[in-house]
Protein backbone atom coordinates (compact mmCIF):
# COMPACT_ATOMS: atom_id res chain seq x y z
CA MET A 1 27.53 -39.95 17.00
CA ASN A 2 28.78 -38.52 13.71
CA LEU A 3 26.99 -39.75 10.70
CA LEU A 4 27.70 -39.12 7.28
CA ILE A 5 25.13 -40.10 4.65
CA VAL A 6 25.89 -40.29 0.97
CA GLY A 7 22.60 -40.17 -0.81
CA ASP A 8 20.74 -38.50 -3.76
CA ASP A 9 19.13 -34.93 -3.71
CA PRO A 10 17.13 -34.86 -0.65
CA THR A 11 14.96 -32.48 -2.57
CA LYS A 12 14.14 -35.03 -5.34
CA ILE A 13 10.61 -37.12 -4.76
CA GLY A 14 10.71 -40.48 -5.16
CA GLY A 15 13.12 -43.49 -5.40
CA VAL A 16 15.74 -43.89 -2.95
CA THR A 17 15.64 -40.37 -1.90
CA ASN A 18 12.13 -41.54 -0.37
CA TYR A 19 14.14 -43.39 2.23
CA THR A 20 17.28 -41.32 2.76
CA ARG A 21 15.75 -37.79 3.41
CA PRO A 22 13.63 -39.06 6.29
CA LEU A 23 16.35 -41.15 7.39
CA ALA A 24 18.51 -38.30 7.96
CA ASN A 25 15.86 -36.07 9.42
CA GLN A 26 14.46 -38.29 11.90
CA LEU A 27 17.90 -39.33 12.79
CA ALA A 28 18.99 -35.72 13.48
CA ALA A 29 15.52 -35.25 15.55
CA SER A 30 16.82 -38.12 17.80
CA GLY A 31 19.91 -36.57 18.64
CA VAL A 32 22.61 -38.20 15.93
CA ASN A 33 24.65 -35.37 14.37
CA VAL A 34 23.82 -36.01 10.94
CA HIS A 35 25.89 -34.76 7.88
CA TYR A 36 24.84 -35.38 4.22
CA VAL A 37 26.79 -35.34 1.11
CA TYR A 38 24.60 -35.35 -2.48
CA ASN A 39 25.11 -34.23 -5.76
CA THR A 40 22.02 -33.11 -8.60
CA THR A 41 23.10 -35.19 -11.09
CA MET A 42 19.79 -36.91 -10.94
CA ASN A 43 18.26 -33.69 -11.37
CA GLN A 44 20.50 -32.24 -14.07
CA GLU A 45 21.48 -29.29 -11.57
CA TYR A 46 24.39 -28.11 -13.65
CA ASP A 47 25.77 -24.24 -13.87
CA PHE A 48 28.82 -22.41 -15.62
CA GLY A 49 30.72 -22.55 -12.19
CA PRO A 50 33.36 -24.51 -11.10
CA MET A 51 33.16 -28.08 -9.40
CA ARG A 52 32.93 -27.48 -5.87
CA VAL A 53 30.71 -28.18 -2.51
CA GLU A 54 28.33 -25.82 -1.20
CA ARG A 55 27.34 -26.08 2.50
CA PHE A 56 24.51 -25.51 4.25
CA ASN A 57 21.82 -26.66 7.36
CA ARG A 58 18.24 -27.73 7.44
CA ASP A 59 16.23 -29.25 9.76
CA GLY A 60 19.17 -30.37 12.01
CA VAL A 61 21.17 -31.91 8.96
CA HIS A 62 24.57 -30.35 7.59
CA TYR A 63 24.35 -30.53 4.05
CA TYR A 64 27.10 -31.15 1.45
CA TRP A 65 26.48 -30.33 -2.07
CA LEU A 66 28.60 -31.07 -4.75
CA ARG A 67 27.89 -28.88 -7.76
CA ASN A 68 28.90 -29.77 -11.45
CA GLY A 69 30.88 -33.32 -10.39
CA LYS A 70 32.28 -34.81 -13.61
CA ALA A 71 30.03 -38.23 -12.84
CA MET A 72 26.83 -38.61 -14.63
CA VAL A 73 24.19 -41.12 -13.96
CA PHE A 74 25.42 -43.02 -16.57
CA ASN A 75 28.99 -42.88 -17.60
CA TYR A 76 29.13 -44.96 -20.83
CA HIS A 77 31.44 -42.41 -22.43
CA ASP A 78 34.13 -42.66 -19.44
CA LEU A 79 33.22 -45.80 -17.10
CA ASP A 80 36.68 -44.94 -15.00
CA LEU A 81 34.56 -41.95 -13.79
CA ASP A 82 33.00 -44.43 -11.51
CA THR A 83 35.92 -45.59 -9.71
CA ASN A 84 38.77 -43.03 -10.32
CA ASP A 85 39.85 -40.32 -7.96
CA TRP A 86 38.38 -37.08 -9.39
CA PHE A 87 36.30 -36.19 -6.33
CA ASP A 88 39.17 -37.10 -3.95
CA LYS A 89 39.91 -33.86 -2.94
CA LEU A 90 36.76 -32.38 -2.14
CA PHE A 91 35.55 -35.67 -0.18
CA ILE A 92 39.14 -35.42 1.77
CA GLU A 93 37.69 -31.64 2.74
CA ILE A 94 34.70 -33.14 4.15
CA MET A 95 35.92 -35.49 6.07
CA GLU A 96 38.44 -33.61 7.76
CA THR A 97 35.66 -31.17 8.77
CA ASP A 98 34.53 -33.63 11.70
CA LYS A 99 35.36 -36.71 12.59
CA PHE A 100 32.73 -39.20 11.35
CA ASP A 101 32.00 -42.43 13.15
CA VAL A 102 30.01 -43.78 10.72
CA VAL A 103 29.77 -43.31 7.01
CA HIS A 104 26.46 -44.53 5.22
CA ILE A 105 26.58 -45.01 1.94
CA ASN A 106 23.12 -45.16 -0.25
CA GLU A 107 23.65 -43.47 -3.66
CA LEU A 108 26.63 -43.39 -5.16
CA PHE A 109 26.19 -42.71 -8.82
CA GLY A 110 27.38 -39.00 -9.40
CA PHE A 111 30.17 -40.08 -7.17
CA SER A 112 33.15 -42.34 -7.19
CA THR A 113 33.70 -45.50 -5.15
CA ASN A 114 36.83 -43.98 -3.81
CA VAL A 115 34.64 -42.16 -1.15
CA ILE A 116 34.82 -45.90 0.87
CA HIS A 117 38.44 -46.11 0.76
CA ILE A 118 38.75 -42.56 1.82
CA ALA A 119 36.42 -43.03 4.88
CA LYS A 120 38.02 -46.32 6.09
CA GLN A 121 41.28 -44.27 5.94
CA PHE A 122 40.01 -41.72 8.16
CA GLY A 123 39.29 -44.39 10.49
CA ALA A 124 35.22 -44.45 9.93
CA LYS A 125 32.90 -47.46 9.49
CA VAL A 126 31.46 -47.70 6.41
CA ILE A 127 27.99 -49.25 5.77
CA SER A 128 26.59 -49.52 2.01
CA THR A 129 22.56 -50.33 1.68
CA ILE A 130 22.33 -51.31 -1.77
CA HIS A 131 19.10 -50.20 -3.30
CA ASP A 132 19.70 -51.09 -7.06
CA TYR A 133 22.70 -52.52 -9.12
CA TRP A 134 24.75 -49.86 -10.19
CA TRP A 135 27.47 -51.63 -8.13
CA LEU A 136 27.06 -54.40 -10.86
CA CYS A 137 25.93 -52.86 -13.96
CA PRO A 138 26.43 -49.25 -15.51
CA GLN A 139 22.80 -49.23 -16.33
CA LYS A 140 21.83 -49.93 -12.95
CA VAL A 141 18.46 -52.28 -13.45
CA MET A 142 20.27 -55.26 -14.95
CA VAL A 143 18.38 -55.68 -18.15
CA ASP A 144 20.01 -56.39 -20.93
CA HIS A 145 19.91 -55.45 -24.78
CA ASN A 146 16.99 -57.48 -25.64
CA ARG A 147 15.10 -55.60 -22.74
CA GLN A 148 14.95 -59.07 -20.75
CA VAL A 149 16.32 -59.19 -17.21
CA CYS A 150 19.66 -60.13 -16.47
CA ASP A 151 21.62 -62.43 -14.42
CA GLY A 152 24.43 -59.98 -14.13
CA PRO A 153 28.00 -59.78 -15.63
CA SER A 154 28.34 -63.28 -16.09
CA ASN A 155 29.41 -62.59 -19.88
CA MET A 156 31.15 -59.55 -20.07
CA ASP A 157 30.99 -59.49 -24.14
CA LYS A 158 27.15 -59.42 -23.42
CA CYS A 159 27.74 -56.62 -21.05
CA VAL A 160 29.90 -55.13 -23.99
CA GLN A 161 26.75 -55.12 -26.36
CA CYS A 162 24.63 -53.54 -23.81
CA VAL A 163 26.59 -50.62 -23.05
CA GLU A 164 27.68 -50.04 -26.86
CA ASP A 165 23.64 -49.92 -27.52
CA ARG A 166 22.98 -47.82 -24.83
CA SER A 167 25.88 -45.50 -25.51
CA GLN A 168 24.30 -44.51 -29.08
CA GLY A 169 23.28 -41.06 -29.01
CA HIS A 170 25.08 -40.53 -25.48
CA ARG A 171 26.59 -37.27 -25.73
CA PRO A 172 27.24 -35.96 -22.03
CA ASN A 173 29.06 -32.57 -23.03
CA ILE A 174 26.19 -31.51 -25.03
CA LYS A 175 23.77 -32.71 -22.28
CA LYS A 176 25.23 -30.72 -19.46
CA PHE A 177 25.59 -27.46 -21.65
CA GLN A 178 21.79 -27.85 -22.07
CA TYR A 179 21.39 -28.30 -18.24
CA LYS A 180 23.64 -25.57 -17.84
CA LEU A 181 21.74 -23.18 -20.23
CA ARG A 182 18.36 -24.45 -18.76
CA ASN A 183 19.08 -23.55 -14.96
CA THR A 184 21.46 -20.59 -15.47
CA MET A 185 19.55 -18.90 -18.49
CA PRO A 186 15.81 -20.09 -18.30
CA ALA A 187 14.56 -17.14 -20.32
CA VAL A 188 17.05 -17.94 -23.20
CA TYR A 189 16.35 -21.67 -23.00
CA LYS A 190 12.56 -22.30 -22.67
CA PRO A 191 11.11 -20.17 -25.82
CA VAL A 192 14.07 -22.05 -27.88
CA VAL A 193 13.65 -25.58 -26.71
CA SER A 194 9.52 -25.29 -27.04
CA LYS A 195 10.28 -23.94 -30.37
CA ILE A 196 12.25 -26.85 -31.70
CA LYS A 197 9.89 -29.07 -29.85
CA ALA A 198 6.92 -27.61 -32.05
CA MET A 199 8.62 -28.26 -35.15
CA LYS A 200 8.96 -31.91 -34.75
CA ARG A 201 5.82 -33.78 -35.67
CA SER A 202 6.73 -36.40 -32.78
CA HIS A 203 9.10 -35.11 -30.33
CA TYR A 204 9.01 -38.73 -28.37
CA PRO A 205 9.43 -41.46 -30.13
CA VAL A 206 6.95 -44.60 -28.89
CA VAL A 207 8.37 -47.09 -26.72
CA PRO A 208 8.24 -50.72 -27.94
CA LEU A 209 6.16 -53.30 -25.84
CA ASP A 210 7.49 -56.46 -27.02
CA VAL A 211 10.43 -58.05 -25.36
CA LEU A 212 13.16 -58.77 -28.10
CA GLU A 213 14.10 -62.41 -28.59
CA SER A 214 17.75 -63.05 -27.57
CA SER A 215 19.95 -61.96 -29.90
CA GLU A 216 23.35 -63.19 -31.01
CA ILE A 217 26.13 -61.45 -28.97
CA ILE A 218 28.40 -59.61 -31.82
CA ALA A 219 30.34 -57.47 -29.36
CA THR A 220 34.00 -56.97 -30.45
CA ASP A 221 35.19 -53.73 -28.27
CA ASN A 222 37.96 -55.05 -26.33
CA PRO A 223 39.09 -51.99 -24.76
CA LEU A 224 35.62 -51.55 -23.48
CA LYS A 225 35.61 -55.16 -22.30
CA ALA A 226 38.31 -54.63 -20.49
CA LYS A 227 37.42 -51.32 -18.71
CA LEU A 228 33.94 -53.06 -17.91
CA GLN A 229 35.48 -55.76 -16.06
CA ASN A 230 38.07 -53.26 -14.19
CA ARG A 231 34.96 -51.16 -13.01
CA LEU A 232 33.16 -54.57 -11.90
CA ASP A 233 36.57 -55.69 -10.16
CA LYS A 234 36.71 -52.29 -8.32
CA LEU A 235 33.05 -51.97 -7.44
CA VAL A 236 33.24 -55.51 -6.01
CA ALA A 237 36.46 -54.60 -3.95
CA ALA A 238 34.95 -51.44 -2.48
CA MET A 239 31.97 -53.38 -1.45
CA ASN A 240 34.20 -56.07 0.15
CA ALA A 241 36.11 -52.80 1.99
CA CYS A 242 32.76 -52.14 3.69
CA ASP A 243 32.24 -53.15 7.51
CA GLN A 244 28.45 -54.03 6.04
CA ILE A 245 26.71 -54.30 3.08
CA THR A 246 22.94 -53.93 3.81
CA CYS A 247 20.80 -55.93 1.44
CA VAL A 248 17.23 -54.47 1.08
CA SER A 249 16.04 -58.17 -0.10
CA ASN A 250 17.26 -61.79 -0.26
CA ASP A 251 17.81 -61.52 -4.07
CA VAL A 252 20.01 -58.75 -3.74
CA LYS A 253 22.61 -60.62 -1.05
CA ARG A 254 22.31 -63.54 -3.46
CA ILE A 255 22.91 -61.51 -6.74
CA LEU A 256 25.92 -59.80 -4.90
CA THR A 257 27.69 -62.79 -3.45
CA GLN A 258 27.47 -64.38 -6.72
CA TYR A 259 30.06 -61.97 -8.04
CA GLY A 260 32.45 -61.87 -5.16
CA VAL A 261 30.67 -59.76 -2.54
CA ASN A 262 31.94 -61.32 0.85
CA PRO A 263 28.91 -62.78 2.24
CA GLU A 264 29.76 -62.51 5.86
CA VAL A 265 29.43 -58.55 5.62
CA CYS A 266 26.27 -58.81 3.83
CA VAL A 267 23.01 -58.44 6.25
CA VAL A 268 19.35 -58.61 4.76
CA ASP A 269 17.76 -55.75 6.08
CA HIS A 270 14.05 -54.61 4.98
CA ILE A 271 14.28 -50.82 5.40
CA GLY A 272 11.38 -48.97 6.86
CA SER A 273 9.10 -46.49 5.03
CA THR A 274 7.17 -43.38 6.25
CA ILE A 275 4.11 -44.27 4.38
CA ALA A 276 3.63 -47.23 6.98
CA GLU A 277 3.96 -44.52 9.87
CA LYS A 278 0.07 -43.83 8.85
CA GLU A 279 -3.02 -44.95 10.59
CA TRP A 280 -3.37 -48.09 9.20
CA GLN A 281 -6.46 -50.61 9.15
CA LEU A 282 -7.17 -53.87 7.79
CA ARG A 283 -9.52 -54.31 5.29
CA THR A 284 -11.64 -56.63 7.39
CA ASP A 285 -15.19 -55.50 5.60
CA TRP A 286 -13.87 -56.24 2.17
CA GLN A 287 -16.74 -57.71 0.30
CA PRO A 288 -16.92 -58.54 -3.67
CA LYS A 289 -18.14 -56.14 -5.70
CA GLU A 290 -19.81 -55.69 -9.33
CA LYS A 291 -16.40 -54.76 -11.01
CA ILE A 292 -13.19 -55.78 -9.10
CA SER A 293 -10.83 -52.61 -9.66
CA PHE A 294 -7.23 -53.91 -10.43
CA GLY A 295 -4.83 -50.59 -10.13
CA PHE A 296 -1.48 -49.32 -10.49
CA ILE A 297 0.20 -46.51 -8.87
CA GLY A 298 3.36 -45.17 -9.71
CA GLY A 299 5.94 -44.27 -12.55
CA MET A 300 5.09 -45.17 -16.04
CA SER A 301 8.28 -46.84 -17.90
CA TYR A 302 8.68 -49.76 -19.64
CA TYR A 303 10.58 -51.02 -16.82
CA LYS A 304 7.85 -50.64 -14.60
CA GLY A 305 5.74 -53.01 -16.82
CA VAL A 306 2.39 -51.22 -17.19
CA HIS A 307 1.97 -52.68 -20.62
CA LEU A 308 1.83 -55.97 -19.18
CA ILE A 309 -1.54 -55.20 -16.89
CA LEU A 310 -3.40 -53.76 -20.29
CA GLN A 311 -2.11 -56.94 -22.13
CA ALA A 312 -3.35 -59.33 -19.60
CA TYR A 313 -6.64 -57.81 -19.07
CA MET A 314 -7.22 -57.93 -23.24
CA ARG A 315 -6.44 -61.38 -22.71
CA LEU A 316 -9.53 -62.21 -20.67
CA PRO A 317 -12.82 -63.63 -21.84
CA ASP A 318 -15.37 -60.62 -22.37
CA LEU A 319 -17.29 -62.42 -19.36
CA LEU A 320 -14.47 -61.63 -17.07
CA LYS A 321 -13.78 -58.07 -18.57
CA GLN A 322 -17.37 -57.41 -17.63
CA LYS A 323 -16.49 -58.12 -14.07
CA ALA A 324 -12.94 -55.99 -13.23
CA THR A 325 -11.36 -52.47 -14.59
CA ILE A 326 -8.07 -51.50 -14.75
CA ASP A 327 -6.88 -48.16 -13.00
CA ILE A 328 -3.73 -47.01 -13.90
CA TYR A 329 -2.40 -43.77 -12.13
CA GLY A 330 0.99 -42.31 -12.56
CA GLY A 331 2.94 -40.32 -15.00
CA GLY A 332 6.20 -40.78 -16.83
CA ASP A 333 8.01 -41.27 -20.22
CA PRO A 334 5.69 -39.60 -22.83
CA GLY A 335 6.83 -42.02 -25.30
CA TYR A 336 5.95 -45.14 -23.03
CA VAL A 337 2.31 -43.28 -22.62
CA GLN A 338 1.79 -43.06 -26.00
CA ALA A 339 2.59 -46.68 -26.45
CA LEU A 340 -0.01 -47.84 -23.93
CA GLU A 341 -2.72 -45.41 -25.46
CA ASN A 342 -1.75 -46.79 -28.97
CA LEU A 343 -2.03 -50.38 -27.45
CA LEU A 344 -5.40 -49.39 -25.74
CA GLU A 345 -6.86 -48.58 -29.34
CA THR A 346 -6.04 -51.87 -30.87
CA GLY A 347 -8.38 -53.41 -28.09
CA SER A 348 -12.00 -54.16 -28.18
CA HIS A 349 -15.11 -52.05 -26.74
CA LEU A 350 -14.80 -53.25 -23.48
CA ASP A 351 -10.93 -52.94 -23.54
CA LYS A 352 -11.80 -49.14 -24.02
CA GLN A 353 -14.33 -48.86 -21.73
CA ASN A 354 -12.74 -50.63 -18.51
CA ILE A 355 -9.10 -49.58 -18.88
CA ARG A 356 -8.58 -46.15 -17.48
CA LEU A 357 -5.45 -43.86 -17.78
CA HIS A 358 -5.84 -41.51 -14.78
CA GLY A 359 -2.42 -39.48 -15.65
CA ARG A 360 -0.47 -38.02 -13.18
CA TYR A 361 -1.48 -37.77 -9.11
CA THR A 362 0.16 -36.13 -6.27
CA PRO A 363 1.64 -37.46 -3.20
CA ASP A 364 -2.13 -36.09 -0.87
CA GLN A 365 -3.90 -38.21 -3.57
CA ILE A 366 -2.78 -41.27 -2.99
CA GLU A 367 -4.84 -42.29 0.23
CA ALA A 368 -7.90 -41.99 -1.83
CA ILE A 369 -6.60 -43.66 -4.87
CA GLY A 370 -5.60 -47.03 -2.48
CA LYS A 371 -8.81 -46.67 -1.01
CA SER A 372 -10.87 -46.74 -4.75
CA ILE A 373 -8.74 -49.92 -5.59
CA ASP A 374 -9.08 -53.52 -4.55
CA VAL A 375 -5.66 -55.32 -5.76
CA SER A 376 -2.65 -53.59 -6.57
CA ILE A 377 -0.59 -54.89 -9.54
CA LEU A 378 2.93 -54.31 -9.55
CA PRO A 379 4.27 -55.91 -12.94
CA SER A 380 8.16 -54.73 -12.94
CA MET A 381 10.31 -55.87 -16.00
CA CYS A 382 13.18 -55.35 -13.88
CA ALA A 383 14.65 -56.83 -10.83
CA ASP A 384 13.15 -54.24 -8.31
CA THR A 385 15.40 -54.85 -4.91
CA ALA A 386 12.61 -53.45 -2.71
CA PRO A 387 10.12 -51.00 -4.23
CA GLN A 388 8.42 -48.30 -1.89
CA THR A 389 5.27 -49.42 -4.17
CA ILE A 390 5.09 -52.50 -2.22
CA PHE A 391 4.97 -50.57 1.43
CA GLU A 392 2.49 -48.01 -0.35
CA SER A 393 -0.05 -51.03 -1.73
CA PHE A 394 0.18 -52.97 1.73
CA SER A 395 -0.14 -49.66 3.86
CA SER A 396 -3.38 -49.23 1.95
CA GLY A 397 -4.64 -52.66 2.58
CA LEU A 398 -4.28 -53.90 -0.94
CA PRO A 399 -3.09 -57.58 -1.94
CA ILE A 400 -0.55 -57.33 -4.41
CA LEU A 401 -0.04 -59.43 -7.45
CA GLY A 402 3.56 -59.19 -8.29
CA PRO A 403 6.54 -61.04 -10.56
CA ASP A 404 8.77 -63.57 -9.48
CA ILE A 405 12.13 -61.54 -9.65
CA GLY A 406 13.88 -59.45 -7.33
CA GLY A 407 12.47 -58.38 -3.75
CA PHE A 408 9.29 -59.18 -4.36
CA SER A 409 9.04 -62.59 -3.03
CA ASP A 410 10.44 -61.10 -0.05
CA PHE A 411 7.01 -59.09 0.92
CA ILE A 412 4.22 -61.12 -1.34
CA HIS A 413 3.50 -64.21 0.11
CA HIS A 414 1.64 -66.19 -2.80
CA GLY A 415 -1.63 -67.67 -1.73
CA LYS A 416 -1.72 -65.28 1.73
CA ASN A 417 -1.46 -61.41 0.91
CA GLY A 418 -1.15 -61.99 -2.97
CA LEU A 419 -0.25 -63.72 -5.86
CA ILE A 420 3.25 -64.03 -7.41
CA PHE A 421 3.27 -64.43 -11.41
CA LYS A 422 5.78 -65.21 -13.94
CA TYR A 423 7.84 -62.10 -15.07
CA GLY A 424 7.18 -60.51 -17.98
CA ASP A 425 4.44 -62.99 -19.08
CA PRO A 426 1.15 -61.58 -19.74
CA ASP A 427 -0.30 -65.01 -19.94
CA SER A 428 0.61 -65.40 -16.17
CA LEU A 429 -0.92 -62.27 -15.21
CA SER A 430 -4.22 -62.73 -16.85
CA ASN A 431 -4.20 -66.10 -14.84
CA ALA A 432 -3.83 -64.61 -11.73
CA MET A 433 -6.44 -61.92 -12.36
CA ARG A 434 -8.72 -64.36 -13.88
CA GLU A 435 -8.16 -66.21 -10.60
CA LEU A 436 -9.40 -63.45 -8.41
CA ILE A 437 -11.87 -62.55 -10.61
CA GLU A 438 -13.49 -65.80 -10.30
CA ASN A 439 -12.98 -66.24 -6.69
CA PRO A 440 -13.54 -62.61 -5.26
CA GLU A 441 -13.70 -64.31 -2.00
CA THR A 442 -10.04 -64.86 -2.29
CA ILE A 443 -9.35 -61.15 -2.12
CA SER A 444 -11.08 -60.80 1.18
CA SER A 445 -8.85 -63.69 2.75
CA PHE A 446 -5.81 -61.70 1.28
CA CYS A 447 -6.91 -58.30 2.83
CA LEU A 448 -7.07 -60.27 6.42
CA ASN A 449 -3.54 -61.78 6.23
CA ILE A 450 -1.51 -58.38 4.95
CA THR A 451 0.87 -57.19 8.06
CA PRO A 452 1.90 -53.52 8.37
CA SER A 453 4.87 -52.50 6.81
CA LYS A 454 8.31 -51.55 8.56
CA LYS A 455 7.67 -48.06 10.17
CA MET A 456 10.42 -45.74 9.30
CA SER A 457 10.48 -44.98 13.13
CA THR A 458 11.14 -48.75 14.07
CA HIS A 459 13.67 -48.68 11.46
CA ILE A 460 15.47 -45.49 12.56
CA ASN A 461 15.84 -47.07 16.00
CA ASP A 462 17.49 -50.30 14.68
CA MET A 463 19.79 -48.22 12.63
CA LYS A 464 20.98 -46.68 15.78
CA ARG A 465 21.53 -49.87 16.96
CA VAL A 466 23.58 -51.01 13.96
CA TYR A 467 25.58 -47.61 14.02
CA SER A 468 26.60 -48.13 17.60
CA GLU A 469 27.35 -51.65 17.34
CA ILE A 470 29.46 -51.52 14.13
CA VAL A 471 31.06 -48.69 16.14
CA ALA A 472 31.91 -50.62 19.19
């Protein structure tokens, strides 16, 4: 079988690439003829050369690397880049190199939805696995201009306001020039940027933590409204042109079908994880400790909601604070990390003593970190579809406290292997923490009810079957 995967930069660590890279490598190792097309838009790899595709082989996979593509991660300046023909000629050349039986799309930002229609013209079957909401939302996460979870493009005026707000300061040509200069002339770029940063008292603005109250929608840009509607119509049509839409959680299917995606082509499939391949063992011997460690492991940004953990702990009475600690592992947005540090400075002596921001970690440290904490908290402020942090937590034998949005409830069963709290509500999270501090034997019960996440090797066999069936 000849397979073409459309994905993100395989050298990138994190996000969807942690799925597509092992998917490609293990399928190739199993005998599938795997090709992989990607761009480095997310990693901002531009140079001063023309737009082109570079080809190379690695670990049994045939790679096509789009250099200097016109589309960026966010195309607020030109929404048509997501759906028009700027990449058609190069993609046709890729399709002509071999007769692909299946084109499996995983990430399409940095490309155009025309790849779906072109693949169909060449007789390939097309599967799109939906990992995020780029298909409905130009900013991918469906969080509105008030930093609240959005129900989707039900109100195009609100979409206009979101794009207008986020496009302020969006200068793609200047950004691309900076990336080109950084990648081609680092000896010039680095000292200049370092000097500019040093001249600024605060290079990174502190990220505000509070959710804004809903504001009046004052969008008036009718041409932008028409472009957003056109983008939505074309992306839904592209999904409906696929032979299968793989939804990584039930919530993804619910949202997509709500906006016109054919439910008959939508299949819910919980994807596999490489972290689940490691030797897994139930925490059958977990016993209540003097202090319970609530932990977070992952990237630090507003949408990951780490501030909710601090706010929830700071609401606990001192008697309960003395029985629990908060251990935060991860790095990320400097302005957000600074906001967390500022928040912690407003806390009590117990808050400062028991809330610990450990900073960045390396992948080889994850196992030791997992063993050092007792309960994982995943407080996302956006509707994460099926975050890898769920699989990482369960593979470490950790019960999870997660929000009532996105794909969390597909994996976290309230009162069995964790607790579900109200999204974005520090009081609800605080109550969940209180429940476990006051009844630590509940943690023991949760540990015994955790089941292994799906292994990537199992998922590989599932996908080979899906490919074969869809071709047949």
